[in-house]
Amino acid sequence: MCSVGINIENFNPEILYAFKFDNKDFIKAEYHCHDFIEFSYVVSGSVTYKIEDKMYKIHEKTLLPFNPGVYHKESLSKGEQNTELHIGFRNIQIDGLPFDYILKQNSEVPLEFKQYKEDFHKCCLEIIEEQEACEIGKELILKSLIMKLIALFLKEINYVKNTKKVDRYDFPFYDKSNIVKIILNYFDNNYMNNVSLDDMSRNMYLSSVYISKVFKEKTGESPINYLINLRLEKAKDLLISTESPIKSIAQSVGYSDAYYFSKLFKKYYGHSPYKYRLANKYE
């Protein structure tokens, strides 16, 4: 299934670097930018960042996601110290954004996590630990952890947007019509499988409550009711157009229990699948 904004099958970021940096006492870095994405995460302490000519006091457990071309520099005053994790990566495509962009252009950079703070922080610590290890498979594990970090970032962005705590992270793939199209497409291609709303919400980086609300708002029915109707309509076609046993038809539209399927069919259409077939087969 495709997530909102990212095609999971083609999601293969190239990791350029990942390192921990301990800043102690006075520092003043060069004002610079990159031609790739950089995550700078304040693990502990605080630091002052100049970003596109704006000054920010950044505290621990705050992420600075930099698009390519965003100028920034950090500075510490005397007596200050902090620890940061810097990760550079490229080769990602988010729907509606330029290639290798993680945020919409001109979005404000500092992100203080609301929902996934501890998960993100823990993942950063795991990256640091793995970076300092000298073991077989280190590069693969690092890549998997950084991919997880990107996913947590996207989940946090969606949480912030959905709860309307801030509106500065304006991702184009939040469009409700687009969300509904993705769900409809998923149902059309997977109605014969075990479809879970929780699985869908995880893959889309959206809460199940939110996608249910959006779907009902746009279609007039819940995702589950839509799926039931879709499955039963497919079953009706098979009952008339084939000689397949009812048990096989039930399984082919996503129901492993033929008795439950028959009961549901009768509830919706007033006849059992068997009687529906007899009444309509030769019309």
Protein backbone atom coordinates (compact mmCIF):
# COMPACT_ATOMS: atom_id res chain seq x y z
CA MET A 1 0.00 0.00 0.00
CA CYS A 2 1.23 3.51 -0.72
CA SER A 3 1.48 5.95 2.12
CA VAL A 4 0.31 9.51 1.85
CA GLY A 5 3.06 11.50 0.17
CA ILE A 6 5.66 8.72 -0.22
CA ASN A 7 5.71 5.65 -2.42
CA ILE A 8 6.98 3.03 0.01
CA GLU A 9 8.22 0.73 -2.77
CA ASN A 10 10.54 3.45 -4.10
CA PHE A 11 11.58 4.90 -0.75
CA ASN A 12 15.33 4.44 -0.73
CA PRO A 13 17.14 7.46 0.72
CA GLU A 14 20.90 7.74 0.29
CA ILE A 15 22.54 8.42 3.65
CA LEU A 16 25.46 10.83 3.27
CA TYR A 17 26.51 11.08 6.90
CA ALA A 18 25.32 10.59 10.46
CA PHE A 19 27.44 11.77 13.36
CA LYS A 20 27.22 13.07 16.90
CA PHE A 21 28.90 16.37 17.68
CA ASP A 22 29.65 17.63 21.17
CA ASN A 23 29.76 21.42 21.21
CA LYS A 24 31.70 22.82 24.15
CA ASP A 25 32.20 26.44 25.05
CA PHE A 26 32.30 29.16 22.43
CA ILE A 27 31.76 28.21 18.79
CA LYS A 28 30.61 30.12 15.75
CA ALA A 29 30.16 28.09 12.58
CA GLU A 30 30.19 29.37 9.03
CA TYR A 31 26.87 30.46 7.52
CA HIS A 32 26.24 27.69 4.99
CA CYS A 33 23.71 25.54 3.14
CA HIS A 34 23.66 22.09 1.54
CA ASP A 35 22.48 20.61 -1.74
CA PHE A 36 20.79 17.80 0.19
CA ILE A 37 18.52 17.43 3.24
CA GLU A 38 19.99 17.72 6.70
CA PHE A 39 18.44 16.79 10.04
CA SER A 40 20.13 18.54 12.97
CA TYR A 41 18.77 17.27 16.27
CA VAL A 42 19.65 18.77 19.65
CA VAL A 43 20.17 15.74 21.87
CA SER A 44 20.99 17.75 25.00
CA GLY A 45 21.72 21.31 26.06
CA SER A 46 20.81 24.35 23.98
CA VAL A 47 22.26 26.28 21.06
CA THR A 48 21.50 29.40 19.02
CA TYR A 49 20.84 28.95 15.31
CA LYS A 50 20.67 31.57 12.60
CA ILE A 51 18.38 30.27 9.86
CA GLU A 52 17.66 32.39 6.79
CA ASP A 53 18.54 35.54 8.76
CA LYS A 54 16.26 34.63 11.70
CA MET A 55 17.65 33.81 15.13
CA TYR A 56 16.36 30.84 17.16
CA LYS A 57 17.25 29.60 20.62
CA ILE A 58 17.04 25.82 20.26
CA HIS A 59 16.62 23.54 23.27
CA GLU A 60 17.08 19.81 23.68
CA LYS A 61 14.83 17.33 21.88
CA THR A 62 14.24 19.83 19.07
CA LEU A 63 14.74 18.96 15.40
CA LEU A 64 15.91 21.30 12.67
CA PRO A 65 15.00 19.80 9.26
CA PHE A 66 16.83 21.74 6.53
CA ASN A 67 15.81 21.66 2.90
CA PRO A 68 18.57 22.05 0.29
CA GLY A 69 19.64 25.67 -0.04
CA VAL A 70 18.50 26.78 3.43
CA TYR A 71 21.28 28.85 5.01
CA HIS A 72 22.04 28.23 8.66
CA LYS A 73 24.74 28.38 11.28
CA GLU A 74 24.99 27.62 14.97
CA SER A 75 26.70 29.40 17.81
CA LEU A 76 27.36 28.85 21.51
CA SER A 77 28.11 31.46 24.12
CA LYS A 78 30.85 31.03 26.69
CA GLY A 79 30.00 28.38 29.23
CA GLU A 80 27.35 26.75 27.03
CA GLN A 81 27.56 23.22 25.71
CA ASN A 82 25.33 20.84 23.85
CA THR A 83 25.25 17.60 21.90
CA GLU A 84 23.77 17.39 18.42
CA LEU A 85 23.13 14.65 15.91
CA HIS A 86 23.61 15.64 12.26
CA ILE A 87 22.25 13.48 9.44
CA GLY A 88 22.58 14.25 5.74
CA PHE A 89 20.53 12.37 3.16
CA ARG A 90 19.06 12.69 -0.31
CA ASN A 91 17.14 10.78 -2.97
CA ILE A 92 13.63 11.11 -1.55
CA GLN A 93 10.45 12.26 -3.24
CA ILE A 94 7.39 13.47 -1.35
CA ASP A 95 4.27 14.14 -3.40
CA GLY A 96 3.78 17.82 -4.11
CA LEU A 97 7.29 18.82 -3.07
CA PRO A 98 10.44 19.32 -5.15
CA PHE A 99 12.76 16.34 -5.32
CA ASP A 100 14.89 16.05 -2.16
CA TYR A 101 12.68 18.39 -0.14
CA ILE A 102 11.41 17.37 3.29
CA LEU A 103 9.30 20.49 3.93
CA LYS A 104 7.35 22.91 1.83
CA GLN A 105 9.46 25.87 0.79
CA ASN A 106 9.59 28.75 3.31
CA SER A 107 8.35 26.57 6.18
CA GLU A 108 9.76 27.47 9.58
CA VAL A 109 12.44 25.00 10.54
CA PRO A 110 12.53 24.25 14.31
CA LEU A 111 10.23 21.38 15.24
CA GLU A 112 9.52 20.66 18.90
CA PHE A 113 7.91 17.24 19.03
CA LYS A 114 4.47 16.88 20.62
CA GLN A 115 3.47 13.27 20.02
CA TYR A 116 6.58 11.33 19.05
CA LYS A 117 9.23 13.12 21.10
CA GLU A 118 10.48 10.12 23.06
CA ASP A 119 10.33 7.76 20.06
CA PHE A 120 12.35 10.21 17.97
CA HIS A 121 14.85 10.85 20.77
CA LYS A 122 15.33 7.13 21.37
CA CYS A 123 15.90 6.53 17.67
CA CYS A 124 18.53 9.30 17.59
CA LEU A 125 20.36 7.70 20.53
CA GLU A 126 20.27 4.34 18.74
CA ILE A 127 21.81 5.97 15.67
CA ILE A 128 24.61 7.47 17.77
CA GLU A 129 25.24 4.12 19.46
CA GLU A 130 25.34 2.29 16.15
CA GLN A 131 27.55 4.97 14.58
CA GLU A 132 30.13 4.46 17.32
CA ALA A 133 30.06 0.67 17.01
CA CYS A 134 32.36 -1.29 14.73
CA GLU A 135 30.26 -4.29 13.90
CA ILE A 136 29.21 -6.18 10.79
CA GLY A 137 26.03 -4.76 9.27
CA LYS A 138 26.56 -1.31 10.76
CA GLU A 139 25.73 0.57 7.54
CA LEU A 140 22.53 -1.40 6.96
CA ILE A 141 21.33 -0.90 10.54
CA LEU A 142 22.14 2.82 10.35
CA LYS A 143 20.14 3.17 7.16
CA SER A 144 17.14 1.37 8.65
CA LEU A 145 17.26 3.60 11.75
CA ILE A 146 17.46 6.77 9.67
CA MET A 147 14.52 5.60 7.55
CA LYS A 148 12.63 5.09 10.81
CA LEU A 149 13.63 8.60 11.87
CA ILE A 150 12.21 10.06 8.64
CA ALA A 151 8.99 8.10 9.19
CA LEU A 152 8.68 9.43 12.75
CA PHE A 153 9.21 12.94 11.42
CA LEU A 154 6.37 12.48 8.92
CA LYS A 155 4.12 11.04 11.63
CA GLU A 156 4.83 14.02 13.86
CA ILE A 157 4.08 16.45 11.05
CA ASN A 158 0.74 14.75 10.45
CA TYR A 159 -0.08 14.72 14.16
CA VAL A 160 0.61 18.43 14.43
CA LYS A 161 -1.48 19.16 11.35
CA ASN A 162 -4.38 16.92 12.36
CA THR A 163 -4.66 18.31 15.88
CA LYS A 164 -4.33 21.86 14.53
CA LYS A 165 -1.84 22.81 17.22
CA VAL A 166 0.17 24.66 14.57
CA ASP A 167 -0.33 25.15 10.87
CA ARG A 168 3.13 26.09 9.68
CA TYR A 169 3.98 22.62 8.33
CA ASP A 170 1.75 22.81 5.30
CA PHE A 171 2.27 19.58 3.37
CA PRO A 172 0.30 19.40 0.11
CA PHE A 173 -0.53 15.72 0.67
CA TYR A 174 -2.75 16.62 3.62
CA ASP A 175 -5.49 17.43 1.11
CA LYS A 176 -8.57 15.51 2.24
CA SER A 177 -9.64 14.60 -1.28
CA ASN A 178 -6.23 13.03 -1.86
CA ILE A 179 -6.54 11.00 1.34
CA VAL A 180 -9.93 9.66 0.22
CA LYS A 181 -8.58 8.80 -3.25
CA ILE A 182 -5.77 6.80 -1.69
CA ILE A 183 -8.20 4.89 0.55
CA LEU A 184 -10.58 4.17 -2.35
CA ASN A 185 -7.72 2.98 -4.52
CA TYR A 186 -6.47 0.75 -1.72
CA PHE A 187 -9.92 -0.78 -1.20
CA ASP A 188 -10.36 -1.38 -4.94
CA ASN A 189 -7.08 -3.26 -5.11
CA ASN A 190 -7.21 -5.07 -1.76
CA TYR A 191 -10.87 -5.79 -0.94
CA MET A 192 -10.14 -9.51 -1.32
CA ASN A 193 -7.49 -9.37 1.42
CA ASN A 194 -7.57 -8.88 5.18
CA VAL A 195 -7.93 -5.08 5.28
CA SER A 196 -7.23 -3.35 8.59
CA LEU A 197 -7.94 0.31 9.29
CA ASP A 198 -5.07 0.30 11.78
CA ASP A 199 -2.67 -0.96 9.12
CA MET A 200 -3.88 1.71 6.73
CA SER A 201 -3.43 4.46 9.31
CA ARG A 202 0.12 3.32 10.10
CA ASN A 203 1.07 3.23 6.43
CA MET A 204 -0.45 6.65 5.82
CA TYR A 205 1.08 8.22 8.94
CA LEU A 206 -2.43 9.29 9.98
CA SER A 207 -4.58 8.24 12.90
CA SER A 208 -7.40 5.78 12.17
CA VAL A 209 -9.86 8.19 13.80
CA TYR A 210 -8.78 10.98 11.47
CA ILE A 211 -8.94 9.00 8.23
CA SER A 212 -12.38 7.62 9.21
CA LYS A 213 -13.60 11.15 9.86
CA VAL A 214 -12.23 12.48 6.57
CA PHE A 215 -13.58 9.51 4.59
CA LYS A 216 -17.08 9.86 6.04
CA GLU A 217 -17.00 13.62 5.53
CA LYS A 218 -16.22 13.17 1.83
CA THR A 219 -18.23 10.03 0.99
CA GLY A 220 -21.06 9.99 3.51
CA GLU A 221 -20.14 6.58 4.93
CA SER A 222 -17.44 5.05 7.07
CA PRO A 223 -14.48 3.23 5.47
CA ILE A 224 -15.71 -0.09 6.89
CA ASN A 225 -19.22 0.31 5.47
CA TYR A 226 -17.78 1.27 2.10
CA LEU A 227 -15.58 -1.83 2.13
CA ILE A 228 -18.52 -4.08 3.05
CA ASN A 229 -20.63 -2.66 0.22
CA LEU A 230 -17.76 -3.04 -2.23
CA ARG A 231 -17.19 -6.67 -1.25
CA LEU A 232 -20.86 -7.56 -1.41
CA GLU A 233 -21.29 -5.92 -4.82
CA LYS A 234 -18.34 -7.96 -6.10
CA ALA A 235 -19.94 -11.06 -4.58
CA LYS A 236 -23.26 -10.33 -6.34
CA ASP A 237 -21.47 -10.19 -9.68
CA LEU A 238 -19.73 -13.51 -9.02
CA LEU A 239 -22.94 -15.20 -7.89
CA ILE A 240 -24.58 -14.35 -11.19
CA SER A 241 -21.64 -14.69 -13.59
CA THR A 242 -19.98 -17.85 -12.23
CA GLU A 243 -20.80 -21.31 -10.92
CA SER A 244 -18.30 -20.97 -8.06
CA PRO A 245 -19.39 -22.33 -4.67
CA ILE A 246 -20.57 -19.71 -2.22
CA LYS A 247 -17.66 -20.54 0.09
CA SER A 248 -15.18 -19.78 -2.70
CA ILE A 249 -16.95 -16.54 -3.55
CA ALA A 250 -16.86 -15.49 0.10
CA GLN A 251 -13.11 -16.07 0.21
CA SER A 252 -12.53 -14.26 -3.07
CA VAL A 253 -14.10 -11.07 -1.69
CA GLY A 254 -12.27 -11.11 1.62
CA TYR A 255 -14.40 -13.29 3.92
CA SER A 256 -12.80 -16.48 5.24
CA ASP A 257 -15.99 -17.44 7.10
CA ALA A 258 -18.73 -18.40 4.62
CA TYR A 259 -21.39 -18.41 7.34
CA TYR A 260 -20.54 -14.84 8.35
CA PHE A 261 -20.52 -13.81 4.69
CA SER A 262 -23.98 -15.31 4.11
CA LYS A 263 -25.35 -13.65 7.22
CA LEU A 264 -23.95 -10.27 6.17
CA PHE A 265 -25.24 -10.69 2.61
CA LYS A 266 -28.76 -11.40 3.86
CA LYS A 267 -28.61 -8.42 6.22
CA TYR A 268 -27.80 -6.07 3.34
CA TYR A 269 -29.96 -7.56 0.57
CA GLY A 270 -32.73 -9.44 2.34
CA HIS A 271 -31.82 -12.77 0.72
CA SER A 272 -29.12 -15.36 1.29
CA PRO A 273 -26.43 -15.65 -1.42
CA TYR A 274 -28.00 -18.94 -2.53
CA LYS A 275 -31.49 -17.45 -2.96
CA TYR A 276 -30.04 -14.35 -4.65
CA ARG A 277 -28.29 -16.59 -7.18
CA LEU A 278 -31.46 -18.59 -7.86
CA ALA A 279 -33.53 -15.45 -8.35
CA ASN A 280 -31.08 -13.63 -10.61
CA LYS A 281 -28.99 -16.26 -12.39
CA TYR A 282 -31.10 -16.57 -15.52
CA GLU A 283 -32.79 -13.21 -15.68
